[in-house]
N, C-alpha and C. Protein backbone atom coordinates (compact mmCIF):
# COMPACT_ATOMS: atom_id res chain seq x y z
N UNK A 1 -8.37 -16.87 3.55
CA UNK A 1 -7.97 -17.11 4.92
C UNK A 1 -6.58 -17.75 4.93
N UNK A 2 -5.77 -17.31 5.86
CA UNK A 2 -4.40 -17.80 5.99
C UNK A 2 -4.40 -19.20 6.58
N UNK A 3 -3.56 -20.07 6.03
CA UNK A 3 -3.39 -21.42 6.56
C UNK A 3 -2.04 -21.47 7.27
N UNK A 4 -2.07 -21.27 8.58
CA UNK A 4 -0.83 -21.21 9.37
C UNK A 4 0.04 -22.45 9.21
N UNK A 5 -0.60 -23.62 9.15
CA UNK A 5 0.18 -24.86 9.05
C UNK A 5 0.95 -24.93 7.73
N UNK A 6 0.32 -24.49 6.64
CA UNK A 6 1.02 -24.49 5.36
C UNK A 6 2.20 -23.53 5.37
N UNK A 7 1.99 -22.37 5.98
CA UNK A 7 3.08 -21.39 6.07
C UNK A 7 4.23 -21.97 6.90
N UNK A 8 3.91 -22.57 8.03
CA UNK A 8 4.94 -23.15 8.89
C UNK A 8 5.72 -24.24 8.16
N UNK A 9 5.01 -25.10 7.45
CA UNK A 9 5.69 -26.16 6.69
C UNK A 9 6.56 -25.56 5.59
N UNK A 10 6.05 -24.53 4.92
CA UNK A 10 6.83 -23.87 3.88
C UNK A 10 8.10 -23.23 4.42
N UNK A 11 8.02 -22.62 5.59
CA UNK A 11 9.19 -22.00 6.20
C UNK A 11 10.20 -23.07 6.59
N UNK A 12 9.72 -24.19 7.12
CA UNK A 12 10.63 -25.29 7.47
C UNK A 12 11.37 -25.79 6.22
N UNK A 13 10.63 -25.96 5.13
CA UNK A 13 11.26 -26.40 3.88
C UNK A 13 12.28 -25.39 3.37
N UNK A 14 11.93 -24.12 3.47
CA UNK A 14 12.85 -23.07 3.05
C UNK A 14 14.14 -23.11 3.87
N UNK A 15 14.00 -23.19 5.18
CA UNK A 15 15.18 -23.23 6.04
C UNK A 15 16.04 -24.47 5.75
N UNK A 16 15.40 -25.61 5.57
CA UNK A 16 16.15 -26.81 5.20
C UNK A 16 16.82 -26.63 3.84
N UNK A 17 16.11 -25.97 2.93
CA UNK A 17 16.64 -25.76 1.58
C UNK A 17 17.88 -24.89 1.55
N UNK A 18 18.01 -23.95 2.49
CA UNK A 18 19.22 -23.12 2.52
C UNK A 18 20.31 -23.75 3.40
N UNK A 19 20.02 -24.95 3.93
CA UNK A 19 21.03 -25.68 4.69
C UNK A 19 20.99 -25.48 6.18
N UNK A 20 19.90 -24.96 6.70
CA UNK A 20 19.79 -24.73 8.14
C UNK A 20 19.22 -25.96 8.86
N UNK A 21 19.52 -26.01 10.14
CA UNK A 21 18.97 -27.03 11.03
C UNK A 21 17.71 -26.44 11.65
N UNK A 22 16.55 -26.91 11.24
CA UNK A 22 15.29 -26.32 11.71
C UNK A 22 15.02 -26.60 13.19
N UNK A 23 15.81 -27.46 13.79
CA UNK A 23 15.62 -27.78 15.20
C UNK A 23 16.54 -27.01 16.12
N UNK A 24 17.46 -26.22 15.57
CA UNK A 24 18.37 -25.50 16.46
C UNK A 24 17.60 -24.42 17.22
N UNK A 25 18.11 -24.05 18.37
CA UNK A 25 17.41 -23.17 19.30
C UNK A 25 16.88 -21.88 18.65
N UNK A 26 17.70 -21.20 17.90
CA UNK A 26 17.30 -19.92 17.31
C UNK A 26 16.23 -20.03 16.23
N UNK A 27 16.08 -21.21 15.65
CA UNK A 27 15.11 -21.39 14.57
C UNK A 27 13.88 -22.21 14.96
N UNK A 28 13.90 -22.82 16.12
CA UNK A 28 12.82 -23.75 16.50
C UNK A 28 11.44 -23.11 16.41
N UNK A 29 11.30 -21.85 16.79
CA UNK A 29 9.99 -21.20 16.77
C UNK A 29 9.80 -20.27 15.57
N UNK A 30 10.79 -20.21 14.71
CA UNK A 30 10.72 -19.31 13.55
C UNK A 30 9.53 -19.59 12.64
N UNK A 31 9.24 -20.84 12.29
CA UNK A 31 8.08 -21.06 11.42
C UNK A 31 6.78 -20.50 12.00
N UNK A 32 6.58 -20.64 13.30
CA UNK A 32 5.36 -20.11 13.92
C UNK A 32 5.38 -18.58 13.92
N UNK A 33 6.54 -17.98 14.19
CA UNK A 33 6.66 -16.52 14.18
C UNK A 33 6.34 -15.97 12.78
N UNK A 34 6.88 -16.61 11.78
CA UNK A 34 6.65 -16.12 10.42
C UNK A 34 5.19 -16.30 10.02
N UNK A 35 4.57 -17.38 10.43
CA UNK A 35 3.14 -17.57 10.13
C UNK A 35 2.32 -16.43 10.74
N UNK A 36 2.62 -16.07 11.98
CA UNK A 36 1.92 -14.96 12.62
C UNK A 36 2.20 -13.64 11.93
N UNK A 37 3.45 -13.43 11.55
CA UNK A 37 3.82 -12.19 10.86
C UNK A 37 3.08 -12.10 9.51
N UNK A 38 3.02 -13.20 8.78
CA UNK A 38 2.35 -13.17 7.47
C UNK A 38 0.86 -12.87 7.61
N UNK A 39 0.24 -13.37 8.68
CA UNK A 39 -1.18 -13.03 8.90
C UNK A 39 -1.34 -11.53 9.05
N UNK A 40 -0.39 -10.90 9.72
CA UNK A 40 -0.45 -9.46 9.94
C UNK A 40 -0.12 -8.67 8.67
N UNK A 41 0.99 -8.98 8.03
CA UNK A 41 1.42 -8.14 6.90
C UNK A 41 0.64 -8.41 5.61
N UNK A 42 -0.09 -9.51 5.56
CA UNK A 42 -0.94 -9.78 4.40
C UNK A 42 -2.42 -9.69 4.73
N UNK A 43 -2.76 -8.99 5.81
CA UNK A 43 -4.15 -8.87 6.25
C UNK A 43 -5.03 -8.19 5.20
N UNK A 44 -4.45 -7.41 4.31
CA UNK A 44 -5.23 -6.74 3.28
C UNK A 44 -5.87 -7.68 2.28
N UNK A 45 -5.37 -8.91 2.20
CA UNK A 45 -5.97 -9.89 1.29
C UNK A 45 -7.41 -10.21 1.68
N UNK A 46 -7.73 -10.03 2.97
CA UNK A 46 -9.08 -10.34 3.47
C UNK A 46 -9.93 -9.09 3.62
N UNK A 47 -9.41 -7.95 3.18
CA UNK A 47 -10.08 -6.69 3.43
C UNK A 47 -10.56 -6.03 2.13
N UNK A 48 -11.76 -5.51 2.16
CA UNK A 48 -12.29 -4.71 1.07
C UNK A 48 -11.90 -3.26 1.35
N UNK A 49 -10.96 -2.74 0.58
CA UNK A 49 -10.46 -1.38 0.82
C UNK A 49 -11.57 -0.34 0.72
N UNK A 50 -12.58 -0.62 -0.06
CA UNK A 50 -13.68 0.32 -0.24
C UNK A 50 -14.61 0.43 0.94
N UNK A 51 -14.55 -0.54 1.85
CA UNK A 51 -15.44 -0.51 3.02
C UNK A 51 -15.25 0.73 3.87
N UNK A 52 -14.08 1.33 3.77
CA UNK A 52 -13.80 2.51 4.60
C UNK A 52 -14.54 3.76 4.12
N UNK A 53 -15.16 3.66 2.97
CA UNK A 53 -15.86 4.81 2.41
C UNK A 53 -17.37 4.66 2.45
N UNK A 54 -17.86 3.75 3.27
CA UNK A 54 -19.31 3.57 3.41
C UNK A 54 -19.92 4.79 4.09
N UNK A 55 -19.28 5.26 5.14
CA UNK A 55 -19.77 6.46 5.85
C UNK A 55 -19.08 7.68 5.27
N UNK A 56 -19.90 8.63 4.82
CA UNK A 56 -19.37 9.88 4.27
C UNK A 56 -20.10 11.05 4.91
N UNK A 57 -19.58 12.23 4.65
CA UNK A 57 -20.16 13.46 5.20
C UNK A 57 -20.46 14.41 4.06
N UNK A 58 -21.62 15.05 4.11
CA UNK A 58 -22.03 15.99 3.08
C UNK A 58 -21.29 17.31 3.26
N UNK A 59 -20.81 17.86 2.14
CA UNK A 59 -20.13 19.16 2.15
C UNK A 59 -20.65 20.01 1.01
N UNK A 60 -20.58 21.32 1.18
CA UNK A 60 -20.96 22.22 0.09
C UNK A 60 -19.73 22.70 -0.67
N UNK A 61 -18.56 22.54 -0.06
CA UNK A 61 -17.32 22.96 -0.67
C UNK A 61 -16.68 21.77 -1.38
N UNK A 62 -16.36 21.91 -2.65
CA UNK A 62 -15.77 20.81 -3.41
C UNK A 62 -14.33 21.10 -3.80
N UNK A 63 -13.57 21.70 -2.87
CA UNK A 63 -12.16 21.98 -3.12
C UNK A 63 -11.32 20.73 -2.84
N UNK A 64 -10.10 20.76 -3.34
CA UNK A 64 -9.19 19.62 -3.22
C UNK A 64 -8.89 19.29 -1.76
N UNK A 65 -8.84 17.99 -1.48
CA UNK A 65 -8.44 17.45 -0.18
C UNK A 65 -7.21 16.60 -0.44
N UNK A 66 -6.14 16.86 0.32
CA UNK A 66 -4.89 16.11 0.16
C UNK A 66 -4.46 15.55 1.50
N UNK A 67 -4.25 14.26 1.54
CA UNK A 67 -3.64 13.60 2.69
C UNK A 67 -2.26 13.17 2.21
N UNK A 68 -1.20 13.77 2.78
CA UNK A 68 0.13 13.45 2.29
C UNK A 68 0.96 12.76 3.36
N UNK A 69 2.03 12.14 2.91
CA UNK A 69 2.97 11.45 3.80
C UNK A 69 2.33 10.33 4.60
N UNK A 70 1.46 9.56 3.97
CA UNK A 70 0.88 8.38 4.60
C UNK A 70 1.91 7.25 4.49
N UNK A 71 2.52 6.87 5.60
CA UNK A 71 3.53 5.80 5.57
C UNK A 71 2.86 4.46 5.29
N UNK A 72 3.53 3.65 4.48
CA UNK A 72 3.02 2.31 4.21
C UNK A 72 4.19 1.33 4.09
N UNK A 73 3.87 0.06 4.31
CA UNK A 73 4.81 -1.05 4.16
C UNK A 73 4.10 -2.11 3.35
N UNK A 74 4.77 -2.62 2.33
CA UNK A 74 4.16 -3.65 1.51
C UNK A 74 5.22 -4.70 1.17
N UNK A 75 4.79 -5.74 0.45
CA UNK A 75 5.71 -6.80 0.04
C UNK A 75 5.65 -6.96 -1.47
N UNK A 76 6.80 -6.90 -2.09
CA UNK A 76 6.91 -7.11 -3.53
C UNK A 76 6.47 -8.54 -3.86
N UNK A 77 5.53 -8.65 -4.77
CA UNK A 77 5.03 -9.99 -5.10
C UNK A 77 6.03 -10.80 -5.91
N UNK A 78 7.06 -10.16 -6.45
CA UNK A 78 8.05 -10.88 -7.26
C UNK A 78 9.12 -11.55 -6.41
N UNK A 79 9.50 -10.91 -5.28
CA UNK A 79 10.59 -11.44 -4.46
C UNK A 79 10.20 -11.68 -3.01
N UNK A 80 8.99 -11.29 -2.63
CA UNK A 80 8.53 -11.33 -1.24
C UNK A 80 9.52 -10.60 -0.32
N UNK A 81 9.98 -9.46 -0.81
CA UNK A 81 10.80 -8.55 -0.02
C UNK A 81 10.01 -7.26 0.16
N UNK A 82 10.25 -6.55 1.26
CA UNK A 82 9.47 -5.34 1.52
C UNK A 82 9.77 -4.20 0.55
N UNK A 83 8.75 -3.39 0.33
CA UNK A 83 8.95 -2.04 -0.18
C UNK A 83 8.12 -1.13 0.71
N UNK A 84 8.62 0.06 0.94
CA UNK A 84 7.97 0.94 1.91
C UNK A 84 8.22 2.38 1.52
N UNK A 85 7.31 3.23 1.96
CA UNK A 85 7.46 4.64 1.65
C UNK A 85 6.27 5.44 2.10
N UNK A 86 5.94 6.43 1.25
CA UNK A 86 4.85 7.34 1.58
C UNK A 86 3.88 7.44 0.41
N UNK A 87 2.61 7.55 0.78
CA UNK A 87 1.54 7.75 -0.21
C UNK A 87 1.00 9.17 -0.03
N UNK A 88 0.68 9.79 -1.15
CA UNK A 88 0.04 11.10 -1.15
C UNK A 88 -1.24 10.93 -1.96
N UNK A 89 -2.39 11.20 -1.33
CA UNK A 89 -3.68 10.95 -1.95
C UNK A 89 -4.51 12.23 -1.92
N UNK A 90 -4.95 12.66 -3.09
CA UNK A 90 -5.79 13.85 -3.19
C UNK A 90 -7.06 13.50 -3.95
N UNK A 91 -8.14 14.18 -3.56
CA UNK A 91 -9.37 14.02 -4.32
C UNK A 91 -10.17 15.31 -4.28
N UNK A 92 -11.02 15.45 -5.27
CA UNK A 92 -11.95 16.57 -5.32
C UNK A 92 -13.34 15.98 -5.19
N UNK A 93 -13.99 16.26 -4.07
CA UNK A 93 -15.29 15.65 -3.81
C UNK A 93 -16.39 16.20 -4.72
N UNK A 94 -17.47 15.47 -4.73
CA UNK A 94 -18.67 15.93 -5.43
C UNK A 94 -19.82 15.89 -4.43
N UNK A 95 -19.67 16.68 -3.37
CA UNK A 95 -20.73 16.79 -2.37
C UNK A 95 -20.57 15.92 -1.14
N UNK A 96 -19.60 14.98 -1.16
CA UNK A 96 -19.41 14.16 0.04
C UNK A 96 -17.92 13.84 0.23
N UNK A 97 -17.54 13.77 1.51
CA UNK A 97 -16.16 13.48 1.85
C UNK A 97 -16.12 12.32 2.84
N UNK A 98 -14.95 11.70 2.92
CA UNK A 98 -14.72 10.62 3.89
C UNK A 98 -13.93 11.18 5.06
N UNK A 99 -13.98 10.48 6.18
CA UNK A 99 -13.13 10.85 7.30
C UNK A 99 -11.67 10.75 6.90
N UNK A 100 -10.84 11.62 7.46
CA UNK A 100 -9.44 11.69 7.04
C UNK A 100 -8.69 10.37 7.21
N UNK A 101 -8.97 9.64 8.27
CA UNK A 101 -8.25 8.37 8.48
C UNK A 101 -8.60 7.33 7.42
N UNK A 102 -9.70 7.52 6.74
CA UNK A 102 -10.15 6.51 5.77
C UNK A 102 -9.22 6.41 4.57
N UNK A 103 -8.58 7.53 4.21
CA UNK A 103 -7.62 7.49 3.10
C UNK A 103 -6.42 6.62 3.48
N UNK A 104 -5.94 6.79 4.71
CA UNK A 104 -4.81 5.97 5.18
C UNK A 104 -5.22 4.50 5.30
N UNK A 105 -6.44 4.25 5.72
CA UNK A 105 -6.91 2.86 5.83
C UNK A 105 -6.99 2.20 4.45
N UNK A 106 -7.39 2.94 3.45
CA UNK A 106 -7.44 2.42 2.08
C UNK A 106 -6.02 2.08 1.60
N UNK A 107 -5.08 2.98 1.84
CA UNK A 107 -3.68 2.72 1.47
C UNK A 107 -3.20 1.44 2.15
N UNK A 108 -3.45 1.31 3.45
CA UNK A 108 -3.01 0.11 4.18
C UNK A 108 -3.64 -1.17 3.64
N UNK A 109 -4.91 -1.11 3.30
CA UNK A 109 -5.59 -2.31 2.80
C UNK A 109 -4.91 -2.85 1.55
N UNK A 110 -4.48 -1.94 0.67
CA UNK A 110 -3.78 -2.40 -0.55
C UNK A 110 -2.32 -2.72 -0.29
N UNK A 111 -1.69 -2.03 0.66
CA UNK A 111 -0.29 -2.30 0.95
C UNK A 111 -0.11 -3.67 1.60
N UNK A 112 -1.09 -4.12 2.36
CA UNK A 112 -0.96 -5.37 3.10
C UNK A 112 -1.38 -6.56 2.23
N UNK A 113 -0.71 -6.67 1.08
CA UNK A 113 -0.91 -7.76 0.13
C UNK A 113 0.40 -7.95 -0.62
N UNK A 114 0.64 -9.13 -1.15
CA UNK A 114 1.75 -9.23 -2.11
C UNK A 114 1.36 -8.32 -3.28
N UNK A 115 2.25 -7.42 -3.68
CA UNK A 115 1.79 -6.30 -4.49
C UNK A 115 2.92 -5.75 -5.35
N UNK A 116 2.57 -5.04 -6.39
CA UNK A 116 3.54 -4.19 -7.08
C UNK A 116 3.07 -2.75 -6.91
N UNK A 117 4.01 -1.86 -6.81
CA UNK A 117 3.69 -0.46 -6.52
C UNK A 117 2.81 0.16 -7.59
N UNK A 118 3.07 -0.17 -8.84
CA UNK A 118 2.29 0.41 -9.93
C UNK A 118 0.80 0.07 -9.80
N UNK A 119 0.51 -1.18 -9.47
CA UNK A 119 -0.88 -1.61 -9.32
C UNK A 119 -1.52 -0.99 -8.08
N UNK A 120 -0.75 -0.92 -7.00
CA UNK A 120 -1.27 -0.34 -5.76
C UNK A 120 -1.70 1.11 -5.97
N UNK A 121 -0.92 1.86 -6.71
CA UNK A 121 -1.23 3.26 -7.00
C UNK A 121 -2.59 3.36 -7.70
N UNK A 122 -2.78 2.52 -8.71
CA UNK A 122 -4.04 2.54 -9.47
C UNK A 122 -5.22 2.05 -8.63
N UNK A 123 -5.01 1.03 -7.80
CA UNK A 123 -6.09 0.50 -6.97
C UNK A 123 -6.63 1.55 -6.01
N UNK A 124 -5.73 2.31 -5.39
CA UNK A 124 -6.16 3.35 -4.45
C UNK A 124 -7.01 4.38 -5.19
N UNK A 125 -6.52 4.85 -6.34
CA UNK A 125 -7.25 5.86 -7.11
C UNK A 125 -8.61 5.34 -7.56
N UNK A 126 -8.65 4.13 -8.08
CA UNK A 126 -9.91 3.57 -8.58
C UNK A 126 -10.92 3.37 -7.46
N UNK A 127 -10.45 2.96 -6.28
CA UNK A 127 -11.37 2.77 -5.15
C UNK A 127 -11.99 4.09 -4.72
N UNK A 128 -11.18 5.14 -4.64
CA UNK A 128 -11.73 6.45 -4.27
C UNK A 128 -12.73 6.94 -5.31
N UNK A 129 -12.41 6.80 -6.58
CA UNK A 129 -13.33 7.25 -7.64
C UNK A 129 -14.66 6.50 -7.53
N UNK A 130 -14.56 5.19 -7.34
CA UNK A 130 -15.76 4.35 -7.32
C UNK A 130 -16.59 4.56 -6.06
N UNK A 131 -15.95 4.58 -4.90
CA UNK A 131 -16.69 4.59 -3.64
C UNK A 131 -17.12 5.98 -3.18
N UNK A 132 -16.34 7.01 -3.56
CA UNK A 132 -16.72 8.37 -3.16
C UNK A 132 -17.43 9.13 -4.27
N UNK A 133 -17.45 8.54 -5.46
CA UNK A 133 -18.03 9.23 -6.62
C UNK A 133 -17.50 10.66 -6.72
N UNK A 134 -16.19 10.80 -6.52
CA UNK A 134 -15.60 12.14 -6.54
C UNK A 134 -15.35 12.59 -7.98
N UNK A 135 -15.03 13.86 -8.09
CA UNK A 135 -14.80 14.45 -9.41
C UNK A 135 -13.43 14.11 -9.97
N UNK A 136 -12.49 13.81 -9.08
CA UNK A 136 -11.15 13.45 -9.52
C UNK A 136 -10.30 12.98 -8.36
N UNK A 137 -9.27 12.19 -8.71
CA UNK A 137 -8.35 11.63 -7.72
C UNK A 137 -6.94 11.67 -8.31
N UNK A 138 -5.97 11.94 -7.43
CA UNK A 138 -4.57 11.82 -7.82
C UNK A 138 -3.83 11.13 -6.68
N UNK A 139 -3.05 10.12 -7.05
CA UNK A 139 -2.31 9.33 -6.07
C UNK A 139 -0.85 9.25 -6.51
N UNK A 140 0.03 9.49 -5.55
CA UNK A 140 1.47 9.35 -5.80
C UNK A 140 2.07 8.52 -4.68
N UNK A 141 2.82 7.49 -5.04
CA UNK A 141 3.53 6.67 -4.07
C UNK A 141 5.03 6.83 -4.31
N UNK A 142 5.78 6.99 -3.24
CA UNK A 142 7.24 7.04 -3.28
C UNK A 142 7.73 5.92 -2.37
N UNK A 143 8.52 4.98 -2.90
CA UNK A 143 8.91 3.84 -2.08
C UNK A 143 10.31 3.35 -2.41
N UNK A 144 10.95 2.83 -1.37
CA UNK A 144 12.22 2.11 -1.55
C UNK A 144 11.90 0.62 -1.57
N UNK A 145 12.49 -0.08 -2.51
CA UNK A 145 12.24 -1.51 -2.70
C UNK A 145 13.47 -2.30 -2.27
N UNK A 146 13.30 -3.17 -1.29
CA UNK A 146 14.42 -3.98 -0.82
C UNK A 146 14.95 -4.92 -1.89
N UNK A 147 14.11 -5.27 -2.87
CA UNK A 147 14.59 -6.13 -3.95
C UNK A 147 15.61 -5.39 -4.82
N UNK A 148 15.64 -4.06 -4.75
CA UNK A 148 16.66 -3.27 -5.44
C UNK A 148 17.77 -2.83 -4.50
N UNK A 149 17.49 -2.76 -3.22
CA UNK A 149 18.46 -2.24 -2.26
C UNK A 149 19.42 -3.30 -1.73
N UNK A 150 18.89 -4.48 -1.41
CA UNK A 150 19.72 -5.48 -0.74
C UNK A 150 20.13 -6.65 -1.63
N UNK A 151 19.61 -6.70 -2.84
CA UNK A 151 19.96 -7.78 -3.77
C UNK A 151 19.98 -7.20 -5.18
N UNK A 152 20.28 -8.00 -6.15
CA UNK A 152 20.24 -7.53 -7.54
C UNK A 152 21.16 -6.34 -7.77
N UNK A 153 20.62 -5.24 -8.17
CA UNK A 153 21.39 -4.04 -8.51
C UNK A 153 22.05 -3.39 -7.30
N UNK A 154 21.50 -3.64 -6.10
CA UNK A 154 22.05 -3.13 -4.83
C UNK A 154 22.23 -1.61 -4.85
N UNK A 155 21.11 -0.90 -4.92
CA UNK A 155 21.11 0.57 -4.92
C UNK A 155 20.26 1.09 -3.77
N UNK A 156 20.76 0.97 -2.52
CA UNK A 156 19.98 1.47 -1.38
C UNK A 156 19.73 2.97 -1.50
N UNK A 157 18.56 3.38 -1.04
CA UNK A 157 18.21 4.79 -1.05
C UNK A 157 17.48 5.23 -2.31
N UNK A 158 17.52 4.40 -3.35
CA UNK A 158 16.80 4.78 -4.57
C UNK A 158 15.30 4.62 -4.33
N UNK A 159 14.54 5.51 -4.93
CA UNK A 159 13.09 5.49 -4.72
C UNK A 159 12.39 5.33 -6.06
N UNK A 160 11.30 4.61 -6.02
CA UNK A 160 10.42 4.47 -7.16
C UNK A 160 9.20 5.35 -6.89
N UNK A 161 8.84 6.16 -7.88
CA UNK A 161 7.70 7.06 -7.75
C UNK A 161 6.68 6.67 -8.81
N UNK A 162 5.45 6.44 -8.37
CA UNK A 162 4.35 6.15 -9.29
C UNK A 162 3.25 7.17 -9.05
N UNK A 163 2.62 7.58 -10.14
CA UNK A 163 1.58 8.60 -10.08
C UNK A 163 0.44 8.17 -11.00
N UNK A 164 -0.77 8.40 -10.53
CA UNK A 164 -1.92 8.20 -11.41
C UNK A 164 -2.95 9.28 -11.13
N UNK A 165 -3.65 9.66 -12.18
CA UNK A 165 -4.68 10.70 -12.08
C UNK A 165 -5.97 10.18 -12.69
N UNK A 166 -7.08 10.51 -12.05
CA UNK A 166 -8.40 10.12 -12.53
C UNK A 166 -9.30 11.35 -12.58
N UNK A 167 -10.29 11.32 -13.46
CA UNK A 167 -11.28 12.39 -13.52
C UNK A 167 -10.65 13.72 -13.88
N UNK A 168 -11.09 14.77 -13.18
CA UNK A 168 -10.62 16.12 -13.53
C UNK A 168 -9.16 16.36 -13.14
N UNK A 169 -8.54 15.41 -12.46
CA UNK A 169 -7.10 15.54 -12.18
C UNK A 169 -6.26 15.32 -13.43
N UNK A 170 -6.90 15.01 -14.54
CA UNK A 170 -6.16 14.93 -15.81
C UNK A 170 -5.76 16.34 -16.26
N UNK A 171 -6.39 17.36 -15.69
CA UNK A 171 -6.07 18.75 -16.04
C UNK A 171 -4.73 19.14 -15.43
N UNK A 172 -3.88 19.73 -16.24
CA UNK A 172 -2.54 20.11 -15.81
C UNK A 172 -2.58 21.09 -14.63
N UNK A 173 -3.53 22.00 -14.64
CA UNK A 173 -3.66 22.99 -13.57
C UNK A 173 -3.83 22.31 -12.21
N UNK A 174 -4.68 21.30 -12.14
CA UNK A 174 -4.92 20.59 -10.87
C UNK A 174 -3.70 19.75 -10.47
N UNK A 175 -3.05 19.16 -11.45
CA UNK A 175 -1.83 18.41 -11.14
C UNK A 175 -0.76 19.34 -10.56
N UNK A 176 -0.63 20.51 -11.13
CA UNK A 176 0.34 21.49 -10.62
C UNK A 176 0.01 21.89 -9.18
N UNK A 177 -1.28 22.09 -8.90
CA UNK A 177 -1.70 22.41 -7.54
C UNK A 177 -1.35 21.28 -6.58
N UNK A 178 -1.59 20.05 -7.01
CA UNK A 178 -1.24 18.87 -6.21
C UNK A 178 0.25 18.89 -5.85
N UNK A 179 1.11 19.09 -6.84
CA UNK A 179 2.55 19.07 -6.59
C UNK A 179 2.99 20.26 -5.73
N UNK A 180 2.36 21.40 -5.89
CA UNK A 180 2.67 22.56 -5.04
C UNK A 180 2.29 22.27 -3.58
N UNK A 181 1.16 21.61 -3.39
CA UNK A 181 0.73 21.27 -2.03
C UNK A 181 1.67 20.25 -1.39
N UNK A 182 2.22 19.34 -2.19
CA UNK A 182 3.16 18.36 -1.66
C UNK A 182 4.44 19.05 -1.17
N UNK A 183 4.88 20.06 -1.88
CA UNK A 183 6.10 20.78 -1.52
C UNK A 183 5.88 21.71 -0.32
N UNK A 184 4.65 22.17 -0.14
CA UNK A 184 4.36 23.19 0.88
C UNK A 184 4.34 22.73 2.28
């Protein structure tokens, strides 16, 4: 659970630390605004991403399902700066499927945490494998990291791509189909 008072005090200390007057008009309500924002952007810390797969639907067709271009926003746990981009999630069911929005909800649950992209990619895949008992999963995230764009190396527009495959997606044929579907 988020402790708004601790966040507000931390923001006040940060502002004082960079030499700001925490009582000036433009900053007077900033600690409270940031506390509210953090509750929203870190809401995934209180969420079980797998809960979205409790309700499933029986199917006789076990062909690949791909949800692509799922926009997400997350925060780098190393610098507390945003990274954002698109997730592409595919799975091959074993008799049951989830509602289409559930894949996006799973992505959001992991994105709304202090996070690294590499771990987020694996968490999404592992949750689908575990909760849907599917035959295979493939997840690809493409994201721009503000810690690389606005500080440090300063390379805006560069993207980090992470990919993970589980189950029968280890087969090259299925991976090729996944990439063809992304391009199509």
